[in-house]
Protein backbone atom coordinates (compact mmCIF):
# COMPACT_ATOMS: atom_id res chain seq x y z
CA MET A 1 0.00 0.00 0.00
CA TYR A 2 1.31 3.42 -0.96
CA ARG A 3 0.74 6.33 1.44
CA LYS A 4 1.15 9.93 0.37
CA SER A 5 2.89 12.18 2.83
CA GLY A 6 1.18 15.47 3.72
CA LEU A 7 4.52 17.25 4.03
CA PRO A 8 4.86 18.48 0.43
CA LEU A 9 1.32 19.89 0.46
CA THR A 10 1.90 21.63 3.82
CA LEU A 11 5.20 23.00 2.60
CA ALA A 12 3.59 24.26 -0.60
CA MET A 13 0.84 26.00 1.37
CA LEU A 14 3.38 27.60 3.70
CA VAL A 15 5.48 28.89 0.77
CA GLY A 16 2.35 30.25 -0.90
CA LEU A 17 1.29 32.02 2.29
CA LEU A 18 4.74 33.58 2.68
CA PHE A 19 4.66 34.71 -0.95
CA LEU A 20 1.26 36.35 -0.50
CA THR A 21 2.40 38.07 2.69
CA ALA A 22 5.52 39.40 1.00
CA CYS A 23 3.49 40.76 -1.89
CA ALA A 24 0.97 42.52 0.30
CA SER A 25 1.05 46.25 -0.26
CA THR A 26 1.25 48.85 2.47
CA ASP A 27 -0.62 52.12 2.47
CA GLU A 28 2.04 54.67 1.49
CA SER A 29 -0.26 57.60 2.31
CA SER A 30 -0.01 56.99 6.05
CA PRO A 31 3.65 56.53 6.95
CA LEU A 32 4.54 55.10 10.31
CA THR A 33 5.36 57.68 12.91
CA ILE A 34 7.40 57.14 16.02
CA ALA A 35 6.28 59.07 19.03
CA GLY A 36 9.12 61.14 20.40
CA PRO A 37 9.39 62.66 23.83
CA THR A 38 6.63 65.08 24.68
CA ALA A 39 7.49 68.74 25.10
CA PRO A 40 7.68 69.94 28.68
CA PRO A 41 4.65 71.91 29.82
CA GLU A 42 4.76 75.66 29.67
CA PRO A 43 5.78 77.20 33.00
CA VAL A 44 2.87 78.52 35.03
CA PHE A 45 4.89 81.54 36.15
CA ARG A 46 8.25 82.98 35.12
CA LEU A 47 10.70 84.95 37.22
CA ASN A 48 10.63 87.92 34.83
CA GLU A 49 6.84 88.14 35.34
CA VAL A 50 7.22 88.38 39.12
CA LEU A 51 10.41 90.35 39.68
CA GLY A 52 9.64 94.06 39.31
CA ALA A 53 5.86 93.55 39.40
CA ALA A 54 3.55 95.84 41.36
CA PRO A 55 1.55 94.42 44.30
CA ALA A 56 -1.75 94.34 42.37
CA THR A 57 -0.07 92.51 39.48
CA LEU A 58 1.40 89.95 41.87
CA ASP A 59 -1.99 89.30 43.46
CA ALA A 60 -3.64 88.99 40.05
CA ARG A 61 -1.05 86.40 38.92
CA LEU A 62 -0.37 84.53 42.14
CA GLY A 63 -3.56 85.00 44.14
CA ALA A 64 -3.78 86.51 47.59
CA PRO A 65 -0.62 86.16 49.67
CA ALA A 66 -0.74 83.69 52.56
CA LEU A 67 1.15 86.25 54.67
CA THR A 68 1.85 89.96 54.32
CA ARG A 69 4.08 91.90 56.69
CA ARG A 70 5.17 95.55 56.46
CA GLU A 71 8.76 96.29 57.42
CA GLY A 72 9.62 99.99 57.16
CA ASP A 73 9.29 101.00 53.51
CA GLY A 74 9.28 97.37 52.44
CA GLU A 75 6.72 94.63 52.41
CA TYR A 76 7.23 90.89 52.87
CA ARG A 77 4.77 88.58 51.07
CA ARG A 78 4.54 84.83 51.12
CA TYR A 79 2.56 83.02 48.42
CA SER A 80 1.68 79.33 48.63
CA LEU A 81 2.24 77.63 45.29
CA SER A 82 1.69 73.96 44.40
CA THR A 83 5.23 72.74 45.12
CA CYS A 84 6.80 75.54 47.14
CA THR A 85 6.37 78.79 48.99
CA LEU A 86 7.24 81.94 47.07
CA ILE A 87 8.73 84.80 49.07
CA VAL A 88 8.49 88.27 47.54
CA ILE A 89 10.04 91.39 49.06
CA LEU A 90 8.63 94.66 47.75
CA TYR A 91 10.35 98.05 47.99
CA PRO A 92 9.68 101.42 46.40
CA ASP A 93 11.82 101.99 43.29
CA ASP A 94 13.59 105.29 42.48
CA ALA A 95 10.27 106.79 41.36
CA GLY A 96 8.55 105.69 44.60
CA VAL A 97 6.54 102.91 42.96
CA VAL A 98 6.37 99.76 45.09
CA ARG A 99 7.62 96.73 43.14
CA ALA A 100 8.94 93.21 43.76
CA ALA A 101 12.63 93.80 44.44
CA HIS A 102 13.56 90.29 45.60
CA VAL A 103 12.01 86.87 44.93
CA ASP A 104 12.98 83.59 46.55
CA ALA A 105 11.58 80.09 46.94
CA ALA A 106 11.21 78.10 50.14
CA ALA A 107 10.14 74.52 50.80
CA LEU A 108 6.56 73.81 51.80
CA THR A 109 7.75 72.05 54.95
CA SER A 110 10.94 72.32 56.97
CA ASP A 111 11.85 68.71 56.08
CA ASP A 112 11.95 69.45 52.35
CA GLU A 113 14.97 70.71 50.44
CA LYS A 114 15.01 74.37 49.30
CA PRO A 115 13.58 74.39 45.76
CA ASN A 116 15.02 76.08 42.71
CA ILE A 117 13.19 79.38 42.09
CA GLU A 118 12.62 78.69 38.38
CA ALA A 119 11.22 75.20 39.09
CA CYS A 120 9.04 76.59 41.87
CA LEU A 121 7.52 79.24 39.59
CA ALA A 122 7.21 76.86 36.64
CA ALA A 123 5.15 74.37 38.69
CA GLY A 124 2.84 77.13 39.86
């Protein structure tokens, strides 16, 4: 009795399937894109927007200060931001207009490290 092996038929089907797969066309109108790193978010606040600003401008941008203290001609203000505390010292300029003369960042708690002023402002 003669028995036919199924191997040649299976091999032929496999080669045919590979041939059809290789000949399949791709849609050239929609090229593959690789997602790159996302751009960092825009800073919420910038130092140049705070330094030199008048008190009303500061309050409009940063909200009401958590603490305000008058010291002679100057004024100390502390603003609570999301990741830090912003300290703003206001003094009258040469024309007598009160403006932010010094800006610094402090940690939210005494256990935290002092934050970078730019990072503090950027986080908002």
